[in-house]
Amino acid sequence: MPQTAVSDALNDLATRFSGELLQPLDAGYEDARRVHNGLIDKRPFLIARCRNAADVADAVRLAREYNLEVAIKGGGHNAAGRATIDGGVMIDLSLMKGIYVDSEAHTARVQGGGTWREYNRETQLHGLASTGGVISTTGVGGLTLGGGLGWLQSKYGLAIDNLRSAQLVLADGRVVTASANENADLFWAVRGAGANFGVATSLEFDVHHVGPTITGGLLLHPGRRRERRSRGAGIRSELHAAPAVESEVRSDEFLPHESEHPAGVNHVRNATRCICVLCGSKWRPE
């Protein structure tokens, strides 16, 4: 990599970049490179802390021009550490936290650095919500584009099922919108076809009436004590009538042969015995 050319390009980019450009010797670099998983210890060549889509587009163009690998950090919660990279460009969206809720249209738009805590706080001002992460510090973008399991999924589907549109920065630096009506093939792709189609700088969701007060936990319905007793007595009688079977759960192919390990092998075999109480039928492992 021609260092002089890259330095000149970075100096030029800094004149118009709204966010922060951090290299290893800069103040703030060590904090910015950290992700949720403390075991991940990667050192990017450049951390581009973006404030808008224009910043993201410039960072993508820089990486493309100088053949640098790119990692995208939203909430930085990915356990495998995919939000960072050694020797490449980390495009950090964590400063992009704008959220807009349209309570009449039942939609919400969040920028790429928003977390579920921030998103839920804004939507709940209007008594609205969509399926989101069960951990509040998870990034909205990363979890959604990975499918998005959450508390509301049984009623409203996964987070990705509620996605209406996404603003993406493509590999050539163009900014496009993907939805069912605009760039529909790209919208299909970001909703489960894989990764590396672009940088999601904002996401728009359908939101639903939820809360602000909800019931969580177990719901136990009272029953008649006499019915419970008779039902329990029936189960106990079935258990007493069931045969007690002593079986030796053994798989010789996983145990040492006596000729190889004569001492202690019987102890290993005896350790595999168990007493099983079976209701209705006998079970023998194949």
Protein backbone atom coordinates (compact mmCIF):
# COMPACT_ATOMS: atom_id res chain seq x y z
CA MET A 1 0.00 0.00 0.00
CA PRO A 2 1.53 3.37 -1.00
CA GLN A 3 1.60 5.14 2.37
CA THR A 4 2.11 8.62 0.95
CA ALA A 5 -0.87 8.29 -1.38
CA VAL A 6 -3.11 6.97 1.42
CA SER A 7 -1.99 9.76 3.76
CA ASP A 8 -2.79 12.34 1.11
CA ALA A 9 -6.21 10.74 0.52
CA LEU A 10 -6.96 10.75 4.25
CA ASN A 11 -5.95 14.41 4.57
CA ASP A 12 -8.24 15.26 1.67
CA LEU A 13 -11.12 13.23 3.12
CA ALA A 14 -10.72 14.90 6.53
CA THR A 15 -11.58 18.29 5.02
CA ARG A 16 -15.16 17.19 4.30
CA PHE A 17 -15.74 14.27 6.68
CA SER A 18 -18.44 15.05 9.27
CA GLY A 19 -17.40 12.35 11.73
CA GLU A 20 -13.99 11.20 12.96
CA LEU A 21 -11.11 9.48 11.16
CA LEU A 22 -8.96 7.57 13.64
CA GLN A 23 -5.65 5.77 13.13
CA PRO A 24 -3.71 3.70 15.69
CA LEU A 25 -1.80 6.64 17.21
CA ASP A 26 -4.83 8.94 17.48
CA ALA A 27 -6.61 9.69 20.76
CA GLY A 28 -9.84 7.73 20.96
CA TYR A 29 -8.65 4.91 18.69
CA GLU A 30 -8.37 2.32 21.47
CA ASP A 31 -11.90 2.93 22.71
CA ALA A 32 -13.36 3.04 19.21
CA ARG A 33 -11.85 -0.28 18.13
CA ARG A 34 -13.43 -2.21 21.03
CA VAL A 35 -16.49 -4.39 20.47
CA HIS A 36 -18.88 -6.17 22.83
CA ASN A 37 -16.83 -9.38 22.91
CA GLY A 38 -13.75 -8.46 24.93
CA LEU A 39 -11.84 -11.44 23.53
CA ILE A 40 -11.74 -9.79 20.10
CA ASP A 41 -8.54 -7.74 19.77
CA LYS A 42 -8.27 -6.47 16.19
CA ARG A 43 -6.55 -3.30 15.04
CA PRO A 44 -8.01 -1.58 11.97
CA PHE A 45 -5.80 0.59 9.78
CA LEU A 46 -8.55 3.24 9.89
CA ILE A 47 -11.71 3.74 11.91
CA ALA A 48 -14.20 5.95 10.09
CA ARG A 49 -16.75 7.10 12.66
CA CYS A 50 -19.51 8.29 10.35
CA ARG A 51 -22.32 10.76 11.07
CA ASN A 52 -24.31 10.42 7.84
CA ALA A 53 -24.61 8.47 4.60
CA ALA A 54 -22.18 10.82 2.83
CA ASP A 55 -19.46 9.89 5.35
CA VAL A 56 -20.15 6.19 4.77
CA ALA A 57 -19.99 6.63 0.99
CA ASP A 58 -16.61 8.42 1.25
CA ALA A 59 -15.22 5.69 3.53
CA VAL A 60 -16.36 2.97 1.12
CA ARG A 61 -14.77 4.76 -1.85
CA LEU A 62 -11.49 5.16 0.04
CA ALA A 63 -11.39 1.46 0.92
CA ARG A 64 -12.19 0.48 -2.65
CA GLU A 65 -9.55 2.77 -4.16
CA TYR A 66 -6.77 1.38 -1.95
CA ASN A 67 -8.00 -2.24 -1.85
CA LEU A 68 -8.67 -2.25 1.90
CA GLU A 69 -11.03 -4.75 3.50
CA VAL A 70 -14.04 -3.31 5.29
CA ALA A 71 -15.91 -4.19 8.49
CA ILE A 72 -19.16 -2.50 9.53
CA LYS A 73 -19.82 -1.66 13.18
CA GLY A 74 -23.36 -0.84 14.25
CA GLY A 75 -23.92 -1.91 17.84
CA GLY A 76 -20.71 -3.98 17.80
CA HIS A 77 -22.55 -6.86 19.47
CA ASN A 78 -21.60 -9.70 17.10
CA ALA A 79 -19.91 -12.38 19.20
CA ALA A 80 -17.54 -13.38 16.38
CA GLY A 81 -16.17 -9.83 16.15
CA ARG A 82 -17.30 -9.13 12.59
CA ALA A 83 -17.66 -5.45 13.45
CA THR A 84 -13.90 -4.98 13.33
CA ILE A 85 -10.93 -6.03 11.23
CA ASP A 86 -7.15 -6.20 11.26
CA GLY A 87 -5.44 -3.80 8.87
CA GLY A 88 -8.59 -2.68 7.08
CA VAL A 89 -11.25 0.01 7.44
CA MET A 90 -13.82 -0.16 10.22
CA ILE A 91 -16.85 1.85 9.18
CA ASP A 92 -18.32 2.76 12.56
CA LEU A 93 -22.01 3.76 12.49
CA SER A 94 -22.36 4.17 16.26
CA LEU A 95 -22.64 7.97 15.98
CA MET A 96 -25.63 7.62 13.61
CA LYS A 97 -28.52 7.32 16.07
CA GLY A 98 -31.33 9.33 14.49
CA ILE A 99 -34.81 7.82 14.98
CA TYR A 100 -38.09 9.09 13.53
CA VAL A 101 -41.51 7.60 14.35
CA ASP A 102 -44.60 8.32 12.24
CA SER A 103 -47.42 7.38 14.60
CA GLU A 104 -50.12 7.90 11.96
CA ALA A 105 -48.48 5.74 9.30
CA HIS A 106 -47.27 3.23 11.93
CA THR A 107 -43.69 3.33 10.69
CA ALA A 108 -40.35 4.01 12.31
CA ARG A 109 -36.98 4.81 10.76
CA VAL A 110 -33.67 4.34 12.57
CA GLN A 111 -30.12 5.06 11.46
CA GLY A 112 -27.50 2.34 11.32
CA GLY A 113 -25.97 3.03 14.75
CA GLY A 114 -29.18 2.85 16.79
CA THR A 115 -29.61 0.21 19.48
CA TRP A 116 -32.83 -1.51 20.49
CA ARG A 117 -32.90 0.43 23.77
CA GLU A 118 -32.90 3.74 21.87
CA TYR A 119 -35.35 2.53 19.24
CA ASN A 120 -37.84 1.13 21.78
CA ARG A 121 -37.68 4.30 23.85
CA GLU A 122 -38.77 6.40 20.88
CA THR A 123 -41.46 4.05 19.58
CA GLN A 124 -42.96 3.60 23.06
CA LEU A 125 -43.62 7.33 23.29
CA HIS A 126 -46.44 6.49 20.86
CA GLY A 127 -47.34 3.07 22.32
CA LEU A 128 -45.75 1.37 19.31
CA ALA A 129 -43.13 -1.35 18.85
CA SER A 130 -41.79 -3.94 16.44
CA THR A 131 -39.93 -7.19 17.03
CA GLY A 132 -36.46 -6.38 18.38
CA GLY A 133 -33.57 -7.82 20.31
CA VAL A 134 -33.87 -9.28 23.79
CA ILE A 135 -30.67 -7.45 24.81
CA SER A 136 -31.10 -3.68 24.77
CA THR A 137 -27.54 -2.84 23.70
CA THR A 138 -27.72 -4.89 20.49
CA GLY A 139 -27.62 -2.83 17.29
CA VAL A 140 -30.87 -2.57 15.34
CA GLY A 141 -29.18 -3.00 11.95
CA GLY A 142 -27.09 -6.06 12.68
CA LEU A 143 -29.81 -8.00 14.44
CA THR A 144 -32.45 -7.16 11.82
CA LEU A 145 -30.33 -8.12 8.82
CA GLY A 146 -29.47 -11.39 10.56
CA GLY A 147 -33.17 -12.26 10.92
CA GLY A 148 -33.98 -10.80 14.32
CA LEU A 149 -35.44 -12.97 17.06
CA GLY A 150 -37.32 -11.07 19.75
CA TRP A 151 -40.10 -11.06 22.33
CA LEU A 152 -42.80 -10.09 19.82
CA GLN A 153 -41.94 -12.61 17.11
CA SER A 154 -44.81 -15.00 17.82
CA LYS A 155 -47.32 -12.25 16.98
CA TYR A 156 -45.49 -9.95 14.56
CA GLY A 157 -42.80 -12.15 13.02
CA LEU A 158 -39.05 -11.62 13.02
CA ALA A 159 -37.49 -8.17 12.91
CA ILE A 160 -36.71 -8.67 9.22
CA ASP A 161 -40.40 -9.42 8.54
CA ASN A 162 -41.24 -5.90 9.70
CA LEU A 163 -38.63 -4.20 7.51
CA ARG A 164 -40.25 -1.86 4.99
CA SER A 165 -37.16 -0.37 3.37
CA ALA A 166 -33.44 0.20 3.82
CA GLN A 167 -31.08 2.91 2.70
CA LEU A 168 -27.84 1.31 1.49
CA VAL A 169 -24.42 2.53 0.41
CA LEU A 170 -23.23 0.20 -2.35
CA ALA A 171 -19.64 -0.86 -3.08
CA ASP A 172 -19.20 1.93 -5.64
CA GLY A 173 -20.33 4.59 -3.14
CA ARG A 174 -23.83 5.09 -4.54
CA VAL A 175 -26.66 5.61 -2.04
CA VAL A 176 -29.89 3.77 -2.90
CA THR A 177 -33.16 2.80 -1.26
CA ALA A 178 -34.29 -0.82 -1.32
CA SER A 179 -37.95 -1.69 -0.77
CA ALA A 180 -40.69 -3.81 -2.26
CA ASN A 181 -41.29 -1.07 -4.84
CA GLU A 182 -37.75 0.25 -5.39
CA ASN A 183 -34.72 -1.93 -6.14
CA ALA A 184 -36.86 -4.92 -5.21
CA ASP A 185 -34.14 -7.45 -6.01
CA LEU A 186 -31.77 -5.74 -3.60
CA PHE A 187 -34.51 -5.63 -0.97
CA TRP A 188 -34.98 -9.38 -1.40
CA ALA A 189 -31.23 -9.85 -0.98
CA VAL A 190 -30.87 -7.91 2.28
CA ARG A 191 -33.83 -9.79 3.76
CA GLY A 192 -32.00 -13.10 4.03
CA ALA A 193 -29.95 -13.84 0.89
CA GLY A 194 -26.59 -13.24 2.59
CA ALA A 195 -24.18 -10.41 3.32
CA ASN A 196 -22.00 -7.79 1.61
CA PHE A 197 -24.71 -6.16 -0.52
CA GLY A 198 -24.07 -2.74 0.98
CA VAL A 199 -23.85 -0.71 4.18
CA ALA A 200 -27.28 -0.19 5.75
CA THR A 201 -27.30 3.45 6.88
CA SER A 202 -30.98 3.46 7.88
CA LEU A 203 -33.87 1.01 8.22
CA GLU A 204 -37.62 1.61 8.12
CA PHE A 205 -40.02 -0.68 9.99
CA ASP A 206 -43.71 -1.34 10.36
CA VAL A 207 -44.60 -0.76 14.02
CA HIS A 208 -47.58 -2.04 16.00
CA HIS A 209 -49.62 -1.05 19.04
CA VAL A 210 -47.79 -2.62 21.98
CA GLY A 211 -47.74 -1.30 25.55
CA PRO A 212 -46.75 0.83 27.23
CA THR A 213 -47.93 -1.70 29.85
CA ILE A 214 -47.54 -5.38 29.05
CA THR A 215 -47.73 -8.65 31.00
CA GLY A 216 -44.68 -10.89 31.05
CA GLY A 217 -43.90 -14.21 32.69
CA LEU A 218 -46.02 -17.30 33.35
CA LEU A 219 -49.81 -17.25 33.27
CA LEU A 220 -51.26 -19.94 35.57
CA HIS A 221 -54.99 -20.65 35.46
CA PRO A 222 -56.66 -22.05 38.60
CA GLY A 223 -58.22 -25.52 38.38
CA ARG A 224 -60.44 -27.56 40.68
CA ARG A 225 -58.50 -29.24 43.46
CA ARG A 226 -60.48 -32.49 43.12
CA GLU A 227 -59.64 -32.74 39.42
CA ARG A 228 -55.96 -32.08 40.10
CA ARG A 229 -55.89 -34.80 42.77
CA SER A 230 -57.59 -37.40 40.57
CA ARG A 231 -55.31 -36.56 37.65
CA GLY A 232 -52.22 -36.85 39.87
CA ALA A 233 -53.42 -40.16 41.30
CA GLY A 234 -53.85 -41.54 37.79
CA ILE A 235 -50.31 -40.60 36.83
CA ARG A 236 -48.93 -42.14 40.02
CA SER A 237 -50.79 -45.42 39.38
CA GLU A 238 -49.34 -45.57 35.85
CA LEU A 239 -45.84 -45.05 37.20
CA HIS A 240 -46.27 -47.80 39.83
CA ALA A 241 -47.56 -50.20 37.18
CA ALA A 242 -44.70 -49.44 34.76
CA PRO A 243 -41.91 -52.03 34.63
CA ALA A 244 -38.62 -51.12 36.29
CA VAL A 245 -35.99 -52.05 33.74
CA GLU A 246 -32.30 -52.34 34.49
CA SER A 247 -30.32 -51.80 31.37
CA GLU A 248 -26.66 -51.48 30.64
CA VAL A 249 -26.14 -48.54 28.31
CA ARG A 250 -22.97 -49.59 26.59
CA SER A 251 -21.23 -48.83 23.34
CA ASP A 252 -18.11 -50.93 22.95
CA GLU A 253 -16.86 -48.90 20.01
CA PHE A 254 -16.35 -45.87 22.27
CA LEU A 255 -14.71 -47.78 25.15
CA PRO A 256 -11.10 -48.96 25.39
CA HIS A 257 -10.47 -52.63 24.71
CA GLU A 258 -9.31 -54.80 27.66
CA SER A 259 -6.13 -55.77 25.84
CA GLU A 260 -5.17 -52.13 25.49
CA HIS A 261 -6.19 -50.93 28.93
CA PRO A 262 -6.75 -53.94 31.24
CA ALA A 263 -6.65 -51.85 34.41
CA GLY A 264 -9.77 -49.83 35.09
CA VAL A 265 -11.76 -50.83 32.03
CA ASN A 266 -14.44 -52.58 34.11
CA HIS A 267 -14.82 -49.40 36.10
CA VAL A 268 -15.50 -47.48 32.88
CA ARG A 269 -18.05 -50.05 31.73
CA ASN A 270 -19.86 -50.18 35.06
CA ALA A 271 -20.12 -46.39 35.02
CA THR A 272 -22.41 -46.64 31.99
CA ARG A 273 -25.15 -48.56 33.82
CA CYS A 274 -28.40 -46.83 34.69
CA ILE A 275 -31.81 -47.74 36.10
CA CYS A 276 -34.69 -46.52 33.90
CA VAL A 277 -38.37 -46.38 34.79
CA LEU A 278 -40.22 -46.54 31.49
CA CYS A 279 -43.91 -45.93 30.98
CA GLY A 280 -45.44 -48.13 28.32
CA SER A 281 -42.42 -49.55 26.53
CA LYS A 282 -38.81 -50.54 26.87
CA TRP A 283 -36.00 -48.52 25.29
CA ARG A 284 -32.64 -49.87 24.26
CA PRO A 285 -30.03 -47.68 22.61
CA GLU A 286 -28.96 -48.94 19.21
